[in-house]
Amino acid sequence: MMLPLAIAALAAAHAQQQPATMTQILSSPLLAHAIVAGEVYDLDTHRVLYAHNAQTLMLGASTTKLVTEGTTLALLGPNFRWTTPVYRTGNVDADGHLHGDLVFVASGDPNISQRIQPDGTLAFENEDHSYDGSLATKAVPGDPLVVLRQLAAQVRASGITEIDGRVAIDSSLFPNEGPEFGTGVMVAPMMLNDNLVDVTITPGAKPGDTPSISVSPQTPYVDFVNNATTASAASEPTIDMSKDVAQPGGARLVTITGAIPAGKPILFAYRVGDPSAFAQAAFQIALEQEGIIVNTPAGEPAFDPVSAKAWYTAANLVAKHVSPPLAQDVKVTLKVSDNLHAALMPYLWAVYAHPRPSGDLLTAGFAREAKLLRAAGFDLSGASQQDGPGGQAFWTPNFIVHILAWARTQPWHQTYFDALPILGVDGTLFNIENGSPAAGKVHAKTGTDGSTDYLLGADGEIITAKGLAGYMTTRHGHQVAFAFYINRVVGKPSIHDDKDVAHACGELLGAMANTAYLTL
């Protein structure tokens, strides 16, 4: 099935400056074996303007972040800030020698990175670096170690010039939870540069040439061996960094293999396996560059956060970082669909939203969310959630539009609304329905989940979930919440253009939003 056939009706409608009808969209050949569901709800009159399978549980993918981030704003508030302290676990003599450890206590702050701008906002790129391997992928410009350098400067200003002990990371806030479902990034209390190392690969002048690599941040935690090659401009990138070997002392040695097409550089992300070790290596570099000498005795035992906690007092605080407000992180999470940041939130509900519970924090966090939603009047039989980003979450369109309606009544709604991608403008909607009447007028969260369908060949795809849900004011003045879902689409990219099946499904959902804007 060629994708141009799947969207032919939409293209014809655009050419005639007429909206495709919902019936035309649903009759797309691409949806022949799919499940489609949706609802449009008038927020002022409280009535349904359009419904199709609206009570059907659909795999929600990253539209789940609407629920996750709404819950976070409700429980913590848009002005919540993470405070990340650095303590000494020993005394400092007259010469500035610390006889003990310097401990960075991870607070779960997801923005220990260059996202932080001089005005206190957080910057983002439309195609986030965790979604690597695309020409559109970019890292936010700047130094990923900027926060660590600021903390190192504070340590020096406190009078410490030499450390006769360890530089340690206390990550005991909650256990490392392993890689999140979507991008494979490690979920942990310590998050430096989103627990990624950005590896930009620039192809050589011609096929067969060795490409060049640029690594950010550069730390002793990982070194790269470049065995990649340059391929033809028409090829697909096949870069592989899976050969990842531990070295004596815990550093990693990664061999880059595969090929990159001739032409423009592409950013690839190395997923850090041990966030604490990564941050420790980077913090020690920042301290040494600040002129602080680190003399860790040979054979020093492993850092013990339990015994260190006795030193966590105001008198022993030598540096701290206070994050931008939560409202800024919500914007990053929703605009670029950052899975790591969303995956963190249920743990923070457990740690920060009420006295820290014992036992499993993920379970405790979701119990807190369930209590909130039930108190708001939601029937949870129309919902299922297992994580923050939406790796395995199901929602009815009716449930999601009522989440959006509830959010509209909350004091934090403007923060929530402003954080949503805008159709045809930015975030994950920057390249959907560009130039359509609804472009710039729809604020909505996307969702995508899929994998390879080898029955169709190496380029075959099964899109298990594609979703679009958010707000708009229609051309006729109706302020509405909407949720549209497509599940279970099988296909292959078109030989006539570069659109994959997921993007084609995104165009169909964008067309549904455009039709709702023009006709309801």
Protein backbone atom coordinates (compact mmCIF):
# COMPACT_ATOMS: atom_id res chain seq x y z
CA MET A 1 0.00 0.00 0.00
CA MET A 2 1.50 3.32 -1.03
CA LEU A 3 1.07 6.18 1.38
CA PRO A 4 0.13 8.75 -1.29
CA LEU A 5 -3.06 6.70 -1.87
CA ALA A 6 -3.74 6.81 1.84
CA ILE A 7 -3.80 10.59 1.89
CA ALA A 8 -4.98 11.29 -1.65
CA ALA A 9 -8.39 12.49 -0.49
CA LEU A 10 -6.75 14.89 1.93
CA ALA A 11 -4.44 16.29 -0.74
CA ALA A 12 -7.36 16.78 -3.12
CA ALA A 13 -9.34 18.55 -0.42
CA HIS A 14 -6.45 20.90 0.35
CA ALA A 15 -6.03 21.64 -3.36
CA GLN A 16 -9.69 22.67 -3.55
CA GLN A 17 -9.42 24.68 -0.28
CA GLN A 18 -12.10 22.45 1.23
CA PRO A 19 -11.79 20.40 4.40
CA ALA A 20 -11.80 16.65 4.07
CA THR A 21 -14.78 15.21 5.89
CA MET A 22 -14.31 12.82 8.79
CA THR A 23 -15.83 10.14 6.57
CA GLN A 24 -13.19 10.75 3.89
CA ILE A 25 -10.42 10.51 6.45
CA LEU A 26 -11.78 7.33 8.00
CA SER A 27 -12.09 5.74 4.54
CA SER A 28 -8.36 6.14 3.86
CA PRO A 29 -6.92 2.84 2.61
CA LEU A 30 -4.20 3.16 5.24
CA LEU A 31 -6.88 2.63 7.90
CA ALA A 32 -8.46 -0.44 6.29
CA HIS A 33 -7.46 -2.73 9.18
CA ALA A 34 -6.99 -0.11 11.87
CA ILE A 35 -9.01 0.90 14.92
CA VAL A 36 -9.93 4.59 14.92
CA ALA A 37 -11.59 6.42 17.78
CA GLY A 38 -12.23 10.03 18.67
CA GLU A 39 -14.31 12.60 20.45
CA VAL A 40 -14.71 16.38 20.27
CA TYR A 41 -16.25 17.96 23.37
CA ASP A 42 -17.58 21.51 23.71
CA LEU A 43 -16.02 22.95 26.86
CA ASP A 44 -18.66 25.67 27.29
CA THR A 45 -21.89 23.78 26.60
CA HIS A 46 -20.58 20.44 27.92
CA ARG A 47 -21.87 18.47 24.99
CA VAL A 48 -20.24 16.11 22.52
CA LEU A 49 -19.88 17.59 19.02
CA TYR A 50 -18.37 14.49 17.40
CA ALA A 51 -17.81 10.91 18.54
CA HIS A 52 -16.51 7.76 16.91
CA ASN A 53 -15.77 4.74 19.12
CA ALA A 54 -15.35 7.26 21.94
CA GLN A 55 -15.72 4.67 24.71
CA THR A 56 -13.17 2.27 23.22
CA LEU A 57 -9.92 1.78 25.15
CA MET A 58 -7.08 2.81 22.84
CA LEU A 59 -3.34 2.50 23.24
CA GLY A 60 -2.50 6.10 24.05
CA ALA A 61 1.30 6.27 23.64
CA SER A 62 2.59 9.74 24.54
CA THR A 63 -0.84 11.37 24.82
CA THR A 64 -0.52 9.74 28.25
CA LYS A 65 1.72 12.67 29.16
CA LEU A 66 -1.43 14.83 29.27
CA VAL A 67 -2.51 12.84 32.32
CA THR A 68 0.99 12.56 33.78
CA GLU A 69 1.83 16.25 33.55
CA GLY A 70 -1.64 17.34 34.65
CA THR A 71 -1.28 15.14 37.73
CA THR A 72 2.18 16.59 38.42
CA LEU A 73 0.91 20.16 38.21
CA ALA A 74 -2.02 19.30 40.47
CA LEU A 75 0.14 17.56 43.11
CA LEU A 76 3.29 19.71 43.09
CA GLY A 77 2.15 23.01 41.56
CA PRO A 78 3.72 24.95 38.69
CA ASN A 79 6.12 26.78 41.04
CA PHE A 80 7.69 23.64 42.52
CA ARG A 81 11.50 23.68 42.21
CA TRP A 82 14.09 20.97 42.70
CA THR A 83 16.91 21.84 45.12
CA THR A 84 20.11 19.88 44.56
CA PRO A 85 22.63 20.27 47.40
CA VAL A 86 26.34 19.49 47.69
CA TYR A 87 27.62 18.61 51.19
CA ARG A 88 31.00 17.94 52.73
CA THR A 89 31.36 14.91 55.00
CA GLY A 90 34.38 16.15 56.89
CA ASN A 91 36.07 19.24 58.17
CA VAL A 92 37.97 21.84 56.15
CA ASP A 93 41.32 22.96 57.55
CA ALA A 94 42.93 26.40 57.33
CA ASP A 95 44.58 25.49 54.03
CA GLY A 96 41.24 24.67 52.38
CA HIS A 97 41.74 20.89 52.55
CA LEU A 98 38.51 18.93 52.95
CA HIS A 99 39.24 15.82 55.04
CA GLY A 100 36.28 13.82 53.82
CA ASP A 101 34.00 13.42 50.83
CA LEU A 102 32.21 15.96 48.66
CA VAL A 103 28.70 14.64 47.99
CA PHE A 104 26.32 15.75 45.25
CA VAL A 105 22.84 14.69 46.43
CA ALA A 106 20.62 13.91 43.42
CA SER A 107 17.15 15.41 43.83
CA GLY A 108 15.48 14.01 40.71
CA ASP A 109 16.00 17.30 38.85
CA PRO A 110 15.73 16.37 35.14
CA ASN A 111 17.42 19.56 33.93
CA ILE A 112 21.03 19.35 35.06
CA SER A 113 21.95 20.50 31.56
CA GLN A 114 22.32 23.43 29.21
CA ARG A 115 18.54 23.70 28.80
CA ILE A 116 18.60 26.40 31.49
CA GLN A 117 18.68 29.86 29.91
CA PRO A 118 19.84 33.16 31.49
CA ASP A 119 16.21 34.25 32.02
CA GLY A 120 15.38 31.06 33.95
CA THR A 121 13.42 29.40 31.14
CA LEU A 122 14.25 26.00 29.65
CA ALA A 123 15.13 25.77 25.96
CA PHE A 124 14.13 22.86 23.74
CA GLU A 125 14.55 21.67 20.17
CA ASN A 126 11.56 20.39 18.20
CA GLU A 127 13.26 17.02 17.59
CA ASP A 128 14.80 16.23 20.99
CA HIS A 129 18.23 14.60 21.24
CA SER A 130 16.72 11.50 22.86
CA TYR A 131 14.99 10.87 19.50
CA ASP A 132 18.32 10.57 17.73
CA GLY A 133 19.49 9.47 14.31
CA SER A 134 17.48 11.97 12.24
CA LEU A 135 18.57 15.03 10.31
CA ALA A 136 16.03 16.95 12.39
CA THR A 137 17.54 15.83 15.72
CA LYS A 138 19.31 18.61 17.63
CA ALA A 139 20.73 19.19 21.09
CA VAL A 140 20.06 22.49 22.81
CA PRO A 141 23.15 24.68 22.19
CA GLY A 142 25.52 25.20 25.07
CA ASP A 143 27.58 23.34 27.65
CA PRO A 144 25.85 20.29 29.21
CA LEU A 145 28.10 20.67 32.27
CA VAL A 146 27.13 24.27 33.01
CA VAL A 147 25.24 23.43 36.22
CA LEU A 148 28.11 21.28 37.48
CA ARG A 149 30.54 24.11 36.75
CA GLN A 150 28.36 26.53 38.72
CA LEU A 151 28.32 24.12 41.65
CA ALA A 152 32.09 23.67 41.42
CA ALA A 153 32.52 27.46 41.58
CA GLN A 154 30.36 27.53 44.73
CA VAL A 155 32.47 24.77 46.29
CA ARG A 156 35.62 26.80 45.61
CA ALA A 157 33.97 29.93 47.02
CA SER A 158 33.14 28.01 50.22
CA GLY A 159 36.88 27.76 50.84
CA ILE A 160 37.59 24.22 49.63
CA THR A 161 40.72 24.00 47.47
CA GLU A 162 41.59 20.34 47.91
CA ILE A 163 39.58 17.19 48.64
CA ASP A 164 41.25 14.34 50.54
CA GLY A 165 38.38 11.97 49.90
CA ARG A 166 35.83 11.04 47.28
CA VAL A 167 33.69 13.05 44.92
CA ALA A 168 30.44 11.11 45.27
CA ILE A 169 26.90 11.11 43.90
CA ASP A 170 24.15 10.19 46.35
CA SER A 171 21.38 8.70 44.21
CA SER A 172 19.43 7.14 47.06
CA LEU A 173 16.26 9.19 46.42
CA PHE A 174 14.91 6.16 44.57
CA PRO A 175 16.54 3.14 42.88
CA ASN A 176 17.59 3.33 39.24
CA GLU A 177 14.58 1.97 37.38
CA GLY A 178 16.27 0.87 34.15
CA PRO A 179 15.66 2.26 30.66
CA GLU A 180 12.30 3.81 29.88
CA PHE A 181 10.21 2.15 27.21
CA GLY A 182 10.38 4.62 24.34
CA THR A 183 13.90 5.98 23.95
CA GLY A 184 15.86 3.58 26.15
CA VAL A 185 17.20 6.30 28.45
CA MET A 186 17.93 5.31 32.06
CA VAL A 187 15.38 6.50 34.65
CA ALA A 188 17.30 7.54 37.76
CA PRO A 189 17.42 10.33 40.38
CA MET A 190 20.61 11.63 38.73
CA MET A 191 20.05 13.07 35.26
CA LEU A 192 22.96 14.86 33.61
CA ASN A 193 22.22 15.90 30.01
CA ASP A 194 19.14 13.64 30.08
CA ASN A 195 21.51 10.71 30.81
CA LEU A 196 22.81 10.97 27.25
CA VAL A 197 26.10 11.68 25.54
CA ASP A 198 25.51 13.48 22.25
CA VAL A 199 27.64 12.07 19.43
CA THR A 200 27.46 14.14 16.25
CA ILE A 201 28.76 12.24 13.22
CA THR A 202 29.80 14.24 10.16
CA PRO A 203 30.14 12.22 6.95
CA GLY A 204 33.25 12.33 4.84
CA ALA A 205 33.41 13.95 1.42
CA LYS A 206 32.61 10.74 -0.45
CA PRO A 207 31.47 7.16 0.17
CA GLY A 208 34.16 5.11 1.86
CA ASP A 209 35.65 8.06 3.75
CA THR A 210 35.88 7.95 7.53
CA PRO A 211 33.38 10.37 9.11
CA SER A 212 34.39 12.64 11.97
CA ILE A 213 32.77 12.59 15.40
CA SER A 214 32.10 15.26 18.01
CA VAL A 215 31.18 14.24 21.59
CA SER A 216 29.28 16.34 24.16
CA PRO A 217 29.88 16.30 27.05
CA GLN A 218 33.37 14.86 27.04
CA THR A 219 34.07 13.06 30.31
CA PRO A 220 36.25 10.17 31.51
CA TYR A 221 33.08 8.08 31.79
CA VAL A 222 33.11 7.04 28.12
CA ASP A 223 35.52 7.03 25.18
CA PHE A 224 34.57 6.31 21.57
CA VAL A 225 36.43 4.43 18.84
CA ASN A 226 35.30 5.56 15.40
CA ASN A 227 35.06 2.65 12.96
CA ALA A 228 32.13 4.11 10.99
CA THR A 229 32.19 4.80 7.27
CA THR A 230 30.51 7.18 4.84
CA ALA A 231 27.88 5.71 2.50
CA SER A 232 25.99 7.08 -0.48
CA ALA A 233 23.73 10.08 0.04
CA ALA A 234 20.67 7.99 -0.85
CA SER A 235 21.30 5.41 1.87
CA GLU A 236 19.88 5.21 5.38
CA PRO A 237 22.14 5.64 8.45
CA THR A 238 23.19 2.35 10.07
CA ILE A 239 25.28 3.73 12.93
CA ASP A 240 25.66 1.23 15.80
CA MET A 241 27.06 1.95 19.28
CA SER A 242 26.11 -1.36 20.90
CA LYS A 243 29.73 -2.52 21.31
CA ASP A 244 30.06 -1.03 24.79
CA VAL A 245 32.79 -2.55 26.97
CA ALA A 246 33.61 -1.82 30.60
CA GLN A 247 37.20 -0.77 31.28
CA PRO A 248 39.22 -1.08 34.51
CA GLY A 249 37.90 1.50 36.96
CA GLY A 250 34.39 1.47 35.45
CA ALA A 251 34.87 3.65 32.36
CA ARG A 252 33.22 2.59 29.10
CA LEU A 253 34.78 2.06 25.68
CA VAL A 254 32.28 2.28 22.83
CA THR A 255 33.09 1.29 19.26
CA ILE A 256 31.05 3.11 16.62
CA THR A 257 30.34 0.99 13.54
CA GLY A 258 27.99 1.23 10.56
CA ALA A 259 27.59 3.95 7.97
CA ILE A 260 26.30 7.48 7.69
CA PRO A 261 24.97 8.89 4.39
CA ALA A 262 27.06 11.50 2.64
CA GLY A 263 25.71 14.98 3.22
CA LYS A 264 24.81 16.58 6.54
CA PRO A 265 25.87 15.67 10.10
CA ILE A 266 23.48 13.59 12.21
CA LEU A 267 23.28 13.54 16.00
CA PHE A 268 23.24 10.14 17.68
CA ALA A 269 22.75 9.60 21.41
CA TYR A 270 24.76 7.23 23.59
CA ARG A 271 22.50 6.04 26.41
CA VAL A 272 24.37 6.22 29.70
CA GLY A 273 24.14 2.94 31.60
CA ASP A 274 25.25 4.28 35.00
CA PRO A 275 23.97 7.84 35.53
CA SER A 276 25.72 8.22 38.90
CA ALA A 277 29.12 7.21 37.52
CA PHE A 278 28.60 9.52 34.53
CA ALA A 279 27.75 12.47 36.77
CA GLN A 280 30.58 11.70 39.19
CA ALA A 281 33.16 11.73 36.39
CA ALA A 282 31.74 14.98 35.01
CA PHE A 283 31.54 16.70 38.42
CA GLN A 284 35.11 15.78 39.25
CA ILE A 285 36.24 17.28 35.93
CA ALA A 286 34.31 20.49 36.73
CA LEU A 287 35.91 20.68 40.18
CA GLU A 288 39.41 20.16 38.82
CA GLN A 289 38.86 22.78 36.13
CA GLU A 290 37.83 25.15 38.93
CA GLY A 291 41.25 24.57 40.49
CA ILE A 292 40.13 22.12 43.19
CA ILE A 293 42.54 19.20 43.66
CA VAL A 294 40.96 15.79 44.26
CA ASN A 295 43.10 13.28 46.18
CA THR A 296 40.98 10.18 46.51
CA PRO A 297 42.99 7.61 48.51
CA ALA A 298 43.69 4.33 46.75
CA GLY A 299 41.48 1.51 47.91
CA GLU A 300 38.79 3.83 49.24
CA PRO A 301 35.62 1.80 49.95
CA ALA A 302 32.43 2.42 48.00
CA PHE A 303 30.45 5.49 48.98
CA ASP A 304 27.75 4.76 51.58
CA PRO A 305 24.86 7.26 51.43
CA VAL A 306 23.38 5.99 54.69
CA SER A 307 26.40 6.97 56.77
CA ALA A 308 26.89 10.18 54.76
CA LYS A 309 23.41 11.49 55.65
CA ALA A 310 24.54 12.49 59.13
CA TRP A 311 26.56 15.25 57.48
CA TYR A 312 23.64 16.65 55.47
CA THR A 313 23.16 19.77 57.57
CA ALA A 314 23.12 23.50 56.82
CA ALA A 315 26.58 23.88 58.38
CA ASN A 316 28.04 21.37 55.91
CA LEU A 317 26.27 22.67 52.78
CA VAL A 318 28.92 23.98 50.37
CA ALA A 319 26.85 24.46 47.20
CA LYS A 320 23.33 24.08 45.87
CA HIS A 321 21.43 24.37 42.62
CA VAL A 322 17.79 25.47 42.54
CA SER A 323 15.98 24.53 39.35
CA PRO A 324 13.68 26.66 37.21
CA PRO A 325 10.01 26.14 38.18
CA LEU A 326 8.21 22.92 37.32
CA ALA A 327 6.13 24.86 34.78
CA GLN A 328 9.23 25.06 32.57
CA ASP A 329 9.88 21.32 32.76
CA VAL A 330 6.24 20.57 31.91
CA LYS A 331 6.72 22.68 28.78
CA VAL A 332 9.83 20.74 27.73
CA THR A 333 8.14 17.41 28.45
CA LEU A 334 5.00 18.15 26.44
CA LYS A 335 6.55 20.13 23.60
CA VAL A 336 9.17 17.52 22.66
CA SER A 337 7.45 14.50 24.27
CA ASP A 338 10.40 13.84 26.56
CA ASN A 339 9.97 10.30 27.84
CA LEU A 340 12.64 10.46 30.55
CA HIS A 341 11.10 13.51 32.20
CA ALA A 342 7.61 11.99 32.10
CA ALA A 343 8.91 8.65 33.42
CA LEU A 344 10.32 10.45 36.44
CA MET A 345 7.02 12.00 37.54
CA PRO A 346 5.31 9.06 39.32
CA TYR A 347 8.38 8.73 41.57
CA LEU A 348 8.21 12.42 42.38
CA TRP A 349 4.51 12.11 43.27
CA ALA A 350 5.58 9.52 45.85
CA VAL A 351 8.63 11.41 47.14
CA TYR A 352 7.47 15.03 47.09
CA ALA A 353 3.65 15.09 47.05
CA HIS A 354 3.21 13.65 50.56
CA PRO A 355 5.37 12.09 53.29
CA ARG A 356 7.68 9.59 51.62
CA PRO A 357 6.04 6.15 51.65
CA SER A 358 7.83 2.89 52.29
CA GLY A 359 7.96 0.17 49.67
CA ASP A 360 7.66 0.52 45.93
CA LEU A 361 7.59 4.19 44.95
CA LEU A 362 6.07 3.61 41.51
CA THR A 363 3.07 1.89 43.07
CA ALA A 364 2.80 4.63 45.70
CA GLY A 365 2.98 7.33 43.04
CA PHE A 366 0.19 5.86 40.97
CA ALA A 367 -1.93 5.37 44.08
CA ARG A 368 -1.55 9.10 44.64
CA GLU A 369 -2.62 9.83 41.05
CA ALA A 370 -5.60 7.48 41.31
CA LYS A 371 -6.75 9.20 44.50
CA LEU A 372 -6.52 12.60 42.79
CA LEU A 373 -8.46 11.48 39.70
CA ARG A 374 -11.19 9.72 41.67
CA ALA A 375 -11.62 12.82 43.82
CA ALA A 376 -12.05 14.80 40.60
CA GLY A 377 -14.87 12.44 39.57
CA PHE A 378 -13.15 10.22 37.01
CA ASP A 379 -14.25 6.65 36.36
CA LEU A 380 -10.91 4.83 36.08
CA SER A 381 -12.47 1.89 34.21
CA GLY A 382 -11.89 4.02 31.10
CA ALA A 383 -8.16 4.20 31.72
CA SER A 384 -5.06 2.09 32.35
CA GLN A 385 -1.56 3.39 33.05
CA GLN A 386 1.72 1.69 33.94
CA ASP A 387 4.28 4.46 33.49
CA GLY A 388 4.58 8.22 33.01
CA PRO A 389 5.38 8.44 29.28
CA GLY A 390 2.77 6.00 27.97
CA GLY A 391 4.77 2.94 27.03
CA GLN A 392 1.82 0.83 28.11
CA ALA A 393 -1.25 2.96 28.75
CA PHE A 394 -4.82 2.84 27.45
CA TRP A 395 -7.44 5.57 27.39
CA THR A 396 -10.85 6.11 25.90
CA PRO A 397 -11.15 9.34 23.90
CA ASN A 398 -14.01 10.26 26.24
CA PHE A 399 -11.70 9.93 29.26
CA ILE A 400 -8.99 12.11 27.70
CA VAL A 401 -11.36 14.92 26.66
CA HIS A 402 -12.66 15.00 30.23
CA ILE A 403 -9.09 15.13 31.56
CA LEU A 404 -8.63 18.16 29.33
CA ALA A 405 -11.92 19.65 30.50
CA TRP A 406 -10.92 19.13 34.15
CA ALA A 407 -7.51 20.69 33.55
CA ARG A 408 -9.21 23.77 32.09
CA THR A 409 -10.86 24.39 35.49
CA GLN A 410 -7.58 24.26 37.43
CA PRO A 411 -5.44 27.25 38.47
CA TRP A 412 -2.46 25.78 36.59
CA HIS A 413 -4.31 25.42 33.28
CA GLN A 414 -2.51 28.25 31.46
CA THR A 415 0.84 26.57 32.21
CA TYR A 416 -0.55 23.29 30.87
CA PHE A 417 -2.03 24.89 27.75
CA ASP A 418 1.11 26.87 26.93
CA ALA A 419 3.22 23.70 27.17
CA LEU A 420 1.36 21.89 24.38
CA PRO A 421 2.81 21.64 20.86
CA ILE A 422 1.12 23.90 18.32
CA LEU A 423 -0.10 22.40 15.05
CA GLY A 424 2.26 23.23 12.20
CA VAL A 425 4.43 25.43 14.44
CA ASP A 426 6.56 23.73 17.09
CA GLY A 427 7.37 20.70 19.19
CA THR A 428 6.22 17.35 17.86
CA LEU A 429 3.65 19.10 15.63
CA PHE A 430 6.13 21.35 13.81
CA ASN A 431 5.74 19.42 10.54
CA ILE A 432 2.04 18.45 10.63
CA GLU A 433 -0.65 20.37 8.68
CA ASN A 434 1.73 23.22 7.87
CA GLY A 435 -0.18 25.96 6.08
CA SER A 436 -3.61 24.48 6.82
CA PRO A 437 -6.38 26.71 8.23
CA ALA A 438 -5.95 25.07 11.65
CA ALA A 439 -2.17 25.55 11.76
CA GLY A 440 -1.25 27.71 14.74
CA LYS A 441 -4.72 27.29 16.27
CA VAL A 442 -4.54 23.76 17.68
CA HIS A 443 -2.62 23.08 20.90
CA ALA A 444 -2.29 19.33 21.32
CA LYS A 445 -0.16 16.41 22.48
CA THR A 446 0.97 13.75 20.05
CA GLY A 447 1.61 10.07 20.68
CA THR A 448 3.38 7.40 18.63
CA ASP A 449 4.24 3.76 19.23
CA GLY A 450 5.30 1.19 16.67
CA SER A 451 7.91 -1.27 15.50
CA THR A 452 9.18 -3.13 12.46
CA ASP A 453 6.86 -5.52 10.64
CA TYR A 454 9.24 -8.05 9.09
CA LEU A 455 6.44 -9.70 7.11
CA LEU A 456 6.58 -6.61 4.90
CA GLY A 457 10.37 -6.53 4.86
CA ALA A 458 12.97 -4.56 6.80
CA ASP A 459 11.15 -1.29 6.05
CA GLY A 460 7.70 -2.60 7.00
CA GLU A 461 6.04 -0.96 9.99
CA ILE A 462 3.27 -1.66 12.46
CA ILE A 463 2.02 1.52 14.10
CA THR A 464 0.40 0.22 17.25
CA ALA A 465 -0.64 3.69 18.39
CA LYS A 466 -0.90 7.19 17.01
CA GLY A 467 -2.77 9.86 18.90
CA LEU A 468 -3.52 13.57 18.99
CA ALA A 469 -5.39 15.24 21.84
CA GLY A 470 -5.72 18.81 23.03
CA TYR A 471 -7.59 22.08 22.61
CA MET A 472 -8.80 24.41 19.89
CA THR A 473 -11.31 27.16 19.31
CA THR A 474 -13.07 26.19 16.10
CA ARG A 475 -13.72 28.59 13.25
CA HIS A 476 -17.32 28.78 14.47
CA GLY A 477 -16.26 29.85 17.95
CA HIS A 478 -16.58 26.58 19.88
CA GLN A 479 -13.93 26.05 22.53
CA VAL A 480 -13.37 22.33 22.43
CA ALA A 481 -11.25 19.53 23.81
CA PHE A 482 -10.60 16.65 21.43
CA ALA A 483 -8.89 13.27 21.34
CA PHE A 484 -8.27 11.28 18.16
CA TYR A 485 -6.58 7.85 18.07
CA ILE A 486 -5.42 5.43 15.39
CA ASN A 487 -4.26 1.97 16.50
CA ARG A 488 -2.84 -0.95 14.48
CA VAL A 489 -1.77 0.37 11.10
CA VAL A 490 0.48 -1.74 8.89
CA GLY A 491 2.39 -0.35 5.91
CA LYS A 492 5.63 0.67 4.26
CA PRO A 493 7.14 4.05 3.42
CA SER A 494 6.23 5.40 0.01
CA ILE A 495 8.78 5.16 -2.78
CA HIS A 496 7.55 8.58 -3.98
CA ASP A 497 8.34 10.59 -0.85
CA ASP A 498 10.14 10.33 2.49
CA LYS A 499 7.06 9.98 4.68
CA ASP A 500 6.99 6.91 6.89
CA VAL A 501 3.79 5.24 8.09
CA ALA A 502 3.86 7.01 11.46
CA HIS A 503 4.08 10.40 9.76
CA ALA A 504 1.24 9.48 7.40
CA CYS A 505 -0.91 8.55 10.41
CA GLY A 506 0.08 11.86 11.98
CA GLU A 507 -1.12 13.67 8.87
CA LEU A 508 -4.45 11.85 9.09
CA LEU A 509 -4.85 12.92 12.72
CA GLY A 510 -3.84 16.46 11.80
CA ALA A 511 -6.45 16.40 9.05
CA MET A 512 -9.07 15.31 11.57
CA ALA A 513 -8.13 18.28 13.77
CA ASN A 514 -8.26 20.60 10.75
CA THR A 515 -11.70 19.25 9.80
CA ALA A 516 -12.95 19.73 13.35
CA TYR A 517 -11.60 23.29 13.32
CA LEU A 518 -13.36 24.15 10.05
CA THR A 519 -16.66 22.32 10.43
CA LEU A 520 -17.68 22.06 14.10
